[in-house]
Protein backbone atom coordinates (compact mmCIF):
# COMPACT_ATOMS: atom_id res chain seq x y z
CA MET A 1 76.06 127.81 119.62
CA SER A 2 76.67 124.08 119.27
CA ASP A 3 79.91 122.68 117.93
CA ARG A 4 80.38 121.75 114.30
CA ILE A 5 80.67 118.08 113.33
CA ILE A 6 83.68 117.59 111.05
CA LEU A 7 84.98 114.35 109.53
CA HIS A 8 88.39 113.83 108.00
CA VAL A 9 88.51 110.73 105.78
CA ASP A 10 91.90 109.30 104.76
CA CYS A 11 92.12 106.42 102.30
CA ASN A 12 94.62 103.90 103.68
CA CYS A 13 97.77 103.45 101.51
CA PHE A 14 95.65 104.82 98.69
CA TYR A 15 97.73 104.20 95.55
CA ALA A 16 98.87 100.78 96.79
CA SER A 17 95.34 99.80 97.84
CA VAL A 18 93.97 100.65 94.40
CA GLU A 19 96.78 98.72 92.70
CA MET A 20 96.10 95.66 94.87
CA LEU A 21 92.57 95.57 93.45
CA TYR A 22 94.06 95.22 89.97
CA HIS A 23 96.81 92.81 91.05
CA PRO A 24 95.08 90.12 93.14
CA GLU A 25 98.05 87.83 92.45
CA LEU A 26 100.10 90.08 94.77
CA ALA A 27 97.85 89.52 97.79
CA GLY A 28 99.98 89.01 100.90
CA LYS A 29 103.12 90.42 99.26
CA PRO A 30 104.92 93.72 99.96
CA LEU A 31 104.01 96.23 97.24
CA ALA A 32 105.17 99.76 96.48
CA VAL A 33 103.99 102.23 93.87
CA GLY A 34 106.93 104.07 92.33
CA GLY A 35 109.20 104.50 89.33
CA ASP A 36 111.13 101.93 87.34
CA PRO A 37 113.92 100.40 89.48
CA GLU A 38 115.95 99.71 86.32
CA GLU A 39 116.15 103.44 85.48
CA ARG A 40 118.30 106.00 87.27
CA HIS A 41 115.51 107.73 89.14
CA GLY A 42 112.34 107.11 91.07
CA ILE A 43 110.95 107.17 94.60
CA VAL A 44 108.30 105.30 96.55
CA LEU A 45 104.98 107.15 96.27
CA THR A 46 103.26 104.81 98.70
CA ALA A 47 103.51 101.24 99.94
CA ASN A 48 101.11 98.73 101.42
CA TYR A 49 101.22 97.90 105.12
CA ILE A 50 103.19 94.70 104.56
CA ALA A 51 106.00 96.75 103.01
CA LYS A 52 105.72 99.50 105.61
CA ARG A 53 106.18 96.99 108.43
CA GLN A 54 109.52 96.11 106.83
CA GLY A 55 110.68 99.73 106.84
CA VAL A 56 109.58 100.99 103.42
CA LYS A 57 108.55 104.65 103.61
CA THR A 58 106.99 107.17 101.26
CA GLY A 59 109.66 109.29 99.55
CA MET A 60 112.35 106.65 99.90
CA ALA A 61 114.56 106.00 96.88
CA LEU A 62 113.76 102.72 95.16
CA TRP A 63 117.17 101.23 95.92
CA GLN A 64 116.75 102.10 99.61
CA ALA A 65 113.31 100.50 99.66
CA ARG A 66 114.79 97.35 98.10
CA GLN A 67 117.42 97.22 100.86
CA CYS A 68 114.69 97.36 103.51
CA CYS A 69 112.54 94.80 101.73
CA PRO A 70 114.41 92.60 99.19
CA ASN A 71 111.20 90.93 97.96
CA LEU A 72 109.39 94.26 97.42
CA VAL A 73 107.23 94.36 94.27
CA PHE A 74 107.21 97.69 92.41
CA VAL A 75 104.32 98.78 90.20
CA PRO A 76 104.34 102.00 88.13
CA PRO A 77 101.93 104.77 89.13
CA ARG A 78 98.66 105.22 87.26
CA MET A 79 97.41 108.64 88.29
CA TYR A 80 94.35 108.52 86.05
CA LEU A 81 93.22 105.45 88.00
CA TYR A 82 93.79 107.10 91.39
CA LEU A 83 91.92 110.21 90.25
CA ARG A 84 89.00 108.00 89.21
CA PHE A 85 88.85 106.34 92.64
CA SER A 86 89.23 109.73 94.32
CA ARG A 87 86.20 111.02 92.45
CA MET A 88 84.17 107.90 93.31
CA ALA A 89 85.00 108.36 96.99
CA ARG A 90 84.01 112.04 96.83
CA ALA A 91 80.72 111.05 95.21
CA ILE A 92 79.95 108.96 98.29
CA TYR A 93 80.91 111.76 100.68
CA GLN A 94 78.73 114.22 98.76
CA GLU A 95 75.67 112.09 99.52
CA TYR A 96 76.07 113.17 103.16
CA SER A 97 77.04 116.83 102.78
CA ASP A 98 77.45 119.59 100.22
CA LYS A 99 80.59 120.69 102.08
CA VAL A 100 83.39 118.33 101.01
CA GLU A 101 86.94 119.64 100.73
CA SER A 102 89.78 117.63 99.19
CA PHE A 103 93.25 117.63 100.76
CA GLY A 104 95.04 115.68 98.06
CA LEU A 105 93.57 112.71 96.23
CA ASP A 106 93.20 110.47 99.26
CA GLU A 107 91.96 112.85 101.97
CA CYS A 108 88.77 114.87 102.43
CA TRP A 109 87.11 116.93 105.12
CA ILE A 110 83.32 116.65 105.39
CA ASP A 111 81.17 119.10 107.36
CA LEU A 112 78.18 117.15 108.73
CA THR A 113 76.84 119.93 110.95
CA GLU A 114 73.70 120.40 108.86
CA SER A 115 73.50 116.78 107.71
CA CYS A 116 72.90 114.82 110.89
CA ALA A 117 69.13 114.95 110.37
CA ILE A 118 69.51 112.19 107.78
CA LEU A 119 69.77 109.78 110.71
CA GLY A 120 66.21 110.61 111.70
CA ASP A 121 66.53 112.27 115.11
CA HIS A 122 67.22 115.80 113.84
CA THR A 123 70.09 116.40 116.26
CA ARG A 124 73.61 117.65 115.81
CA THR A 125 75.76 115.49 118.05
CA ILE A 126 79.21 114.00 117.80
CA GLU A 127 77.56 110.58 118.22
CA ASN A 128 75.64 111.11 114.99
CA GLY A 129 78.89 112.13 113.31
CA TYR A 130 80.39 108.83 114.46
CA ARG A 131 77.43 106.85 113.11
CA ILE A 132 77.73 108.56 109.71
CA ALA A 133 81.46 107.87 109.73
CA GLN A 134 80.71 104.18 110.28
CA GLU A 135 78.33 104.16 107.34
CA ILE A 136 80.83 105.93 105.06
CA SER A 137 83.55 103.48 106.09
CA ARG A 138 81.34 100.49 105.27
CA ARG A 139 80.32 101.95 101.91
CA ILE A 140 83.90 102.73 100.83
CA ARG A 141 84.93 99.17 101.67
CA ARG A 142 81.91 97.62 99.96
CA GLU A 143 81.67 99.87 96.87
CA LEU A 144 85.33 100.70 96.18
CA GLY A 145 87.15 97.77 97.76
CA ILE A 146 89.55 99.90 99.84
CA THR A 147 89.56 101.03 103.46
CA VAL A 148 89.60 104.44 105.14
CA SER A 149 90.52 105.86 108.52
CA ILE A 150 88.22 108.62 109.78
CA GLY A 151 88.59 111.29 112.41
CA VAL A 152 85.52 112.93 113.97
CA SER A 153 85.76 116.23 115.85
CA TRP A 154 84.48 119.81 115.99
CA ASN A 155 87.31 121.32 113.90
CA LYS A 156 89.33 120.34 110.87
CA ILE A 157 92.70 120.09 112.65
CA TYR A 158 91.50 117.65 115.31
CA ALA A 159 89.51 115.67 112.73
CA LYS A 160 92.71 115.15 110.75
CA LEU A 161 94.54 114.14 113.93
CA GLY A 162 91.78 111.58 114.45
CA SER A 163 92.19 109.99 111.04
CA ASP A 164 95.93 109.62 111.73
CA TYR A 165 95.42 108.32 115.28
CA LYS A 166 94.54 104.73 114.31
CA LYS A 167 95.29 103.01 111.00
CA PRO A 168 94.14 101.18 109.00
CA ASP A 169 90.35 100.98 108.81
CA ALA A 170 89.56 102.83 112.04
CA ILE A 171 87.37 105.65 113.35
CA THR A 172 88.55 107.97 116.13
CA VAL A 173 86.43 110.58 117.89
CA PHE A 174 87.99 113.59 119.60
CA ASP A 175 85.22 115.33 121.54
CA ARG A 176 85.11 117.90 124.32
CA ASP A 177 85.30 115.16 126.96
CA ASN A 178 88.31 113.19 125.72
CA TYR A 179 90.43 115.45 123.55
CA ARG A 180 92.86 116.66 126.21
CA LYS A 181 93.48 113.12 127.45
CA LEU A 182 94.05 111.70 123.95
CA ILE A 183 95.62 114.63 122.08
CA ASP A 184 97.89 116.25 124.67
CA PRO A 185 100.38 113.32 124.84
CA LEU A 186 100.77 113.16 121.03
CA PRO A 187 104.10 114.35 119.61
CA VAL A 188 103.93 117.89 118.29
CA SER A 189 105.04 116.59 114.88
CA ASP A 190 101.57 115.01 114.50
CA LEU A 191 100.04 118.47 114.18
CA LEU A 192 99.37 119.81 110.69
CA TYR A 193 102.20 122.07 109.45
CA VAL A 194 104.71 121.07 112.11
CA GLY A 195 107.54 119.84 109.90
CA ARG A 196 110.95 118.51 110.89
CA ARG A 197 112.60 121.91 111.30
CA THR A 198 109.70 123.43 113.20
CA GLY A 199 109.59 120.38 115.45
CA GLN A 200 113.32 120.68 116.16
CA LYS A 201 112.99 124.36 117.00
CA LEU A 202 110.01 123.72 119.28
CA ALA A 203 112.02 121.01 121.05
CA LYS A 204 114.73 123.58 121.81
CA TYR A 205 112.11 125.48 123.78
CA GLY A 206 111.03 122.31 125.59
CA ILE A 207 107.87 121.79 123.54
CA ARG A 208 107.63 118.17 122.42
CA THR A 209 103.93 117.33 122.72
CA ILE A 210 100.74 118.95 121.48
CA GLY A 211 99.70 119.51 125.08
CA GLN A 212 102.88 121.46 125.80
CA LEU A 213 102.29 123.52 122.66
CA ALA A 214 98.71 124.24 123.76
CA GLU A 215 99.93 125.41 127.17
CA ALA A 216 102.73 127.60 125.78
CA ASP A 217 102.20 131.37 125.88
CA PRO A 218 100.90 132.38 122.41
CA ASP A 219 102.86 135.65 122.64
CA TYR A 220 106.11 133.73 123.08
CA LEU A 221 105.24 131.43 120.17
CA GLN A 222 104.52 134.43 117.96
CA ASN A 223 107.84 136.03 118.96
CA TRP A 224 109.71 132.82 118.16
CA PHE A 225 107.97 131.84 114.92
CA GLY A 226 105.99 134.87 113.77
CA LYS A 227 102.44 134.26 112.53
CA VAL A 228 103.21 130.54 112.17
CA GLY A 229 103.72 130.27 115.94
CA ALA A 230 100.38 131.96 116.61
CA MET A 231 98.69 129.70 114.07
CA LEU A 232 100.12 126.53 115.67
CA SER A 233 98.92 127.72 119.08
CA VAL A 234 95.38 128.03 117.69
CA PHE A 235 95.66 124.57 116.12
CA ALA A 236 96.96 122.91 119.31
CA ARG A 237 94.23 124.46 121.50
CA GLY A 238 91.44 123.22 119.23
CA LEU A 239 90.29 126.75 118.38
CA ASP A 240 90.65 126.60 114.61
CA GLN A 241 87.50 127.77 112.85
CA THR A 242 88.44 127.20 109.20
CA PRO A 243 85.40 126.23 107.16
CA VAL A 244 85.02 123.16 104.97
CA SER A 245 84.75 124.44 101.41
CA ASN A 246 81.60 123.81 99.43
CA VAL A 247 81.81 121.07 96.83
CA GLY A 248 82.43 122.22 93.28
CA ILE A 249 84.65 125.18 94.13
CA GLU A 250 87.65 123.65 92.42
CA ALA A 251 89.24 120.53 91.02
CA PRO A 252 90.34 118.00 93.69
CA VAL A 253 93.99 118.55 92.74
CA LYS A 254 96.03 121.67 92.08
CA SER A 255 98.08 120.54 89.08
CA VAL A 256 98.92 117.58 86.86
CA GLY A 257 102.44 117.15 85.56
CA ASN A 258 105.18 114.84 84.37
CA SER A 259 108.95 114.88 84.67
CA THR A 260 111.75 112.67 83.43
CA THR A 261 115.41 111.97 83.93
CA THR A 262 116.46 111.60 80.31
CA PRO A 263 118.41 108.64 78.83
CA ARG A 264 121.26 111.05 78.11
CA ASP A 265 121.96 114.64 79.08
CA LEU A 266 120.23 117.29 76.95
CA VAL A 267 122.68 119.64 75.26
CA ASN A 268 120.63 121.98 73.03
CA ASN A 269 117.16 123.38 72.36
CA GLU A 270 116.36 120.62 69.87
CA ASP A 271 116.90 117.98 72.55
CA VAL A 272 114.70 119.89 74.97
CA ARG A 273 111.91 120.42 72.46
CA LEU A 274 111.75 116.69 71.68
CA VAL A 275 111.42 115.79 75.37
CA LEU A 276 108.91 118.58 75.97
CA TYR A 277 106.69 117.10 73.25
CA LEU A 278 106.82 113.70 74.94
CA LEU A 279 105.96 115.19 78.35
CA SER A 280 103.26 117.47 76.94
CA GLU A 281 101.50 114.55 75.26
CA SER A 282 101.54 112.61 78.52
CA VAL A 283 100.21 115.54 80.57
CA SER A 284 97.61 116.35 77.92
CA GLU A 285 96.30 112.80 77.88
CA ARG A 286 95.93 112.61 81.66
CA LEU A 287 94.19 115.97 81.76
CA ARG A 288 91.68 114.74 79.19
CA LYS A 289 91.19 111.39 80.93
CA ASN A 290 90.23 113.24 84.08
CA HIS A 291 88.24 115.99 82.31
CA PHE A 292 90.53 118.85 83.36
CA GLU A 293 92.07 121.79 81.57
CA GLY A 294 94.49 124.25 83.11
CA GLN A 295 95.56 127.84 82.73
CA VAL A 296 99.06 127.82 84.23
CA VAL A 297 102.01 125.98 82.63
CA SER A 298 105.13 125.38 84.73
CA VAL A 299 108.55 124.12 83.67
CA TYR A 300 111.19 122.64 85.97
CA VAL A 301 114.78 121.99 84.85
CA ARG A 302 117.67 120.33 86.67
CA ASP A 303 121.18 120.52 85.23
CA LYS A 304 123.86 117.83 85.41
CA ASP A 305 125.11 119.24 88.74
CA LEU A 306 121.55 118.95 90.12
CA TRP A 307 120.87 122.69 90.30
CA GLY A 308 117.16 123.32 89.77
CA TYR A 309 115.33 126.08 87.88
CA HIS A 310 111.59 126.74 87.79
CA GLN A 311 109.26 129.18 86.06
CA GLN A 312 105.57 129.35 85.17
CA LYS A 313 103.19 131.34 82.98
CA LYS A 314 99.45 131.99 83.00
CA LEU A 315 97.74 131.36 79.66
CA ALA A 316 95.05 133.43 77.99
CA VAL A 317 92.64 130.47 78.05
CA PRO A 318 92.66 127.09 79.84
CA THR A 319 93.96 124.16 77.78
CA ASN A 320 94.60 120.43 77.70
CA ILE A 321 95.91 120.47 74.09
CA SER A 322 99.36 118.88 73.81
CA GLY A 323 100.64 121.30 71.16
CA GLU A 324 99.64 124.36 73.18
CA ILE A 325 101.21 122.96 76.34
CA GLU A 326 104.47 122.20 74.52
CA GLU A 327 104.60 125.59 72.81
CA GLU A 328 104.14 127.48 76.05
CA ALA A 329 106.56 125.19 77.90
CA PHE A 330 109.27 125.80 75.29
CA LEU A 331 108.79 129.58 75.49
CA ILE A 332 109.11 129.37 79.28
CA PHE A 333 112.22 127.21 78.96
CA GLN A 334 113.90 129.70 76.62
CA ARG A 335 113.41 132.46 79.17
CA LEU A 336 114.43 130.23 82.06
CA TYR A 337 117.64 128.48 80.98
CA ARG A 338 120.91 129.86 79.58
CA TRP A 339 122.73 126.61 78.67
CA GLU A 340 125.65 126.94 81.03
CA LYS A 341 125.50 123.18 81.66
CA PRO A 342 123.80 120.14 80.09
CA ILE A 343 120.40 119.18 81.48
CA ARG A 344 119.77 115.97 83.38
CA SER A 345 116.03 116.16 83.99
CA ILE A 346 113.08 118.28 82.97
CA GLY A 347 109.39 118.47 83.90
CA ILE A 348 106.13 120.12 82.93
CA SER A 349 103.01 120.71 84.99
CA VAL A 350 99.66 122.30 84.21
CA GLY A 351 97.86 124.01 87.08
CA ASP A 352 94.93 126.27 87.92
CA LEU A 353 92.73 123.36 86.85
CA LYS A 354 89.15 123.78 85.74
CA PRO A 355 86.50 121.31 84.56
CA GLU A 356 86.85 120.51 80.88
CA ASN A 357 84.18 122.13 78.68
CA GLY A 358 83.17 124.46 81.48
CA PRO A 359 82.08 128.05 80.78
CA ARG A 360 84.94 130.41 79.90
CA GLN A 361 85.52 133.79 78.35
CA LEU A 362 86.32 133.58 74.63
CA SER A 363 89.19 135.63 73.23
CA LEU A 364 89.35 137.57 69.96
CA PHE A 365 92.99 136.49 69.65
CA VAL A 366 92.38 132.74 69.86
CA ASN A 367 91.39 130.65 66.82
CA GLU A 368 88.73 128.38 68.30
CA LYS A 369 88.34 126.33 65.10
CA SER A 370 92.06 125.55 65.08
CA ARG A 371 91.92 124.59 68.76
CA GLU A 372 89.00 122.25 68.11
CA ARG A 373 90.99 120.51 65.34
CA GLN A 374 93.94 120.07 67.71
CA MET A 375 91.66 118.64 70.39
CA ARG A 376 90.23 116.11 67.93
CA ALA A 377 93.75 115.19 66.79
CA ASP A 378 94.88 114.61 70.38
CA ARG A 379 91.87 112.39 71.09
CA MET A 380 92.46 110.40 67.89
CA VAL A 381 96.13 109.85 68.75
CA SER A 382 95.12 108.60 72.22
CA ASP A 383 92.59 106.20 70.70
CA ILE A 384 95.16 104.79 68.25
CA ARG A 385 97.79 104.34 70.96
CA SER A 386 95.31 102.64 73.29
CA ARG A 387 94.63 100.06 70.57
CA TYR A 388 98.01 99.57 68.95
CA GLY A 389 100.58 100.80 71.47
CA TYR A 390 102.41 104.01 72.21
CA ALA A 391 104.72 103.82 69.16
CA ALA A 392 101.84 103.35 66.68
CA VAL A 393 101.70 107.09 65.95
CA GLN A 394 104.39 109.66 66.72
CA ARG A 395 105.37 113.18 65.76
CA GLY A 396 108.02 113.57 63.07
CA ILE A 397 110.38 115.25 65.56
CA MET A 398 110.74 111.91 67.35
CA HIS A 399 112.71 110.54 64.40
CA GLU A 400 115.45 113.14 64.85
CA ASP A 401 116.82 111.24 67.86
CA ARG A 402 115.45 107.72 68.23
CA TYR A 403 117.45 107.07 71.42
CA LEU A 404 116.16 110.17 73.20
CA SER A 405 112.61 109.67 71.98
CA SER A 406 112.66 106.04 73.13
CA LEU A 407 111.82 107.05 76.70
CA ASP A 408 108.22 106.22 77.57
CA ALA A 409 106.80 109.43 79.03
CA THR A 410 103.68 107.56 80.13
CA ALA A 411 105.80 105.65 82.66
CA GLU A 412 107.74 108.60 84.03
CA ASP A 413 107.36 110.57 87.25
CA HIS A 414 103.73 111.67 87.34
CA MET A 415 103.03 114.62 89.61
CA ILE A 416 99.70 115.29 91.28
CA HIS A 417 99.79 118.28 93.61
CA PRO A 418 97.15 118.74 96.31
CA HIS A 419 95.76 122.08 97.35
CA SER A 420 97.23 123.87 100.33
CA TYR A 421 95.27 124.01 103.59
CA PHE A 422 95.39 127.80 103.31
CA GLU A 423 93.47 127.99 100.04
CA ASN A 424 89.69 128.54 99.86
CA GLY A 425 89.72 131.09 102.67
CA ASN A 426 91.06 128.64 105.26
CA ARG A 427 93.59 131.20 106.51
CA THR A 428 90.78 133.31 107.93
CA GLY A 429 89.74 130.46 110.24
CA TYR A 430 92.72 130.80 112.55
CA GLU A 431 93.27 134.52 111.95
CA ALA A 432 89.77 135.20 113.34
CA VAL A 433 90.92 133.65 116.63
CA LEU A 434 94.07 135.79 116.65
CA VAL A 435 92.01 138.93 116.12
CA ALA A 436 89.63 137.94 118.94
CA GLU A 437 92.64 137.41 121.22
CA GLY A 438 94.12 140.76 120.20
CA ARG A 439 97.13 139.36 118.29
């Protein structure tokens, strides 16, 4: 049986690249997408290559980024815009295959095994995969104005290694002839799911490169790390068989959320409810803009001593209605928090996303007419605010504390969570190898 032909496409500095399209005046300047440097929170979500060359890294606090790069320009994140570009990129990929799997907003795997006939010679070769990768790269640059790095290989793990191998705007092929020469010397930390702690533990056993990991006895790795060790052995040896999921199985992201560090500490339920309304409206609007609704509401709370608390609940029906999100979030909060200390920050996310207006089971206990009125009200509020500003229409509860309600939830910490590699049956891809090897 011939090898599969798998691409992994990674949009270079995705958020920053999209923002540069809308800020041509910043061409040639270091740019980072992140929070407001004047507030008491915020991190760098991504930076362009000019900023990265000066030491700015994803996840760095804004003040640290400013120390590395004093002339760094910050722009606030616009997740609705990045979701739009993500969908446009996926639309291009889907012209080449019906098997396109998102790994976050900026990364996708594409299975071209059955698609190479579009080139005219009806063969399945890695060379044809490379030629399609070239065409996709050109189209993304021409039609979207951003660049991508692409890895081409026979499995998803090596394809992702390929997209990371050269950046930006590059294509790397790992085939049966060159993979040991090119992949073996790479640090083991380049492999998917080898984090800092795992890398440190592997180093204690003398394993610092992917080649050394591939040569290590899988039984020893499983004794040291459990199933994770066996999985990493499969990954390093290029034996992973995880499939690329068919398009349309799920939304390209796992959840949409918003969190805020409040202008003052929250001290009672009334304070919390006001902030939850602000966050719920923001989350609701972004769900609608991207045509999602979700069935799981999560609440995250951090007290003044920075202890965190988290809880979630599955709803009877999916929603993107602000009032429903707030109501469920407040019920979760009441179960979650006991008011031993004031609250410094709070967040909401909506997960288990589904396409808006998709088919769903109706419930006898849900008033659909009332929900439709709430949906129309939310859309009307969004239209008014888009014309006349955020403060043009507000809930009455906002007047109970004008200082607390002055925070602009639309500019807070937006959260877009990608799907795990182990969703969509991916776990079976490496477990099949373990079973075949008797592990």
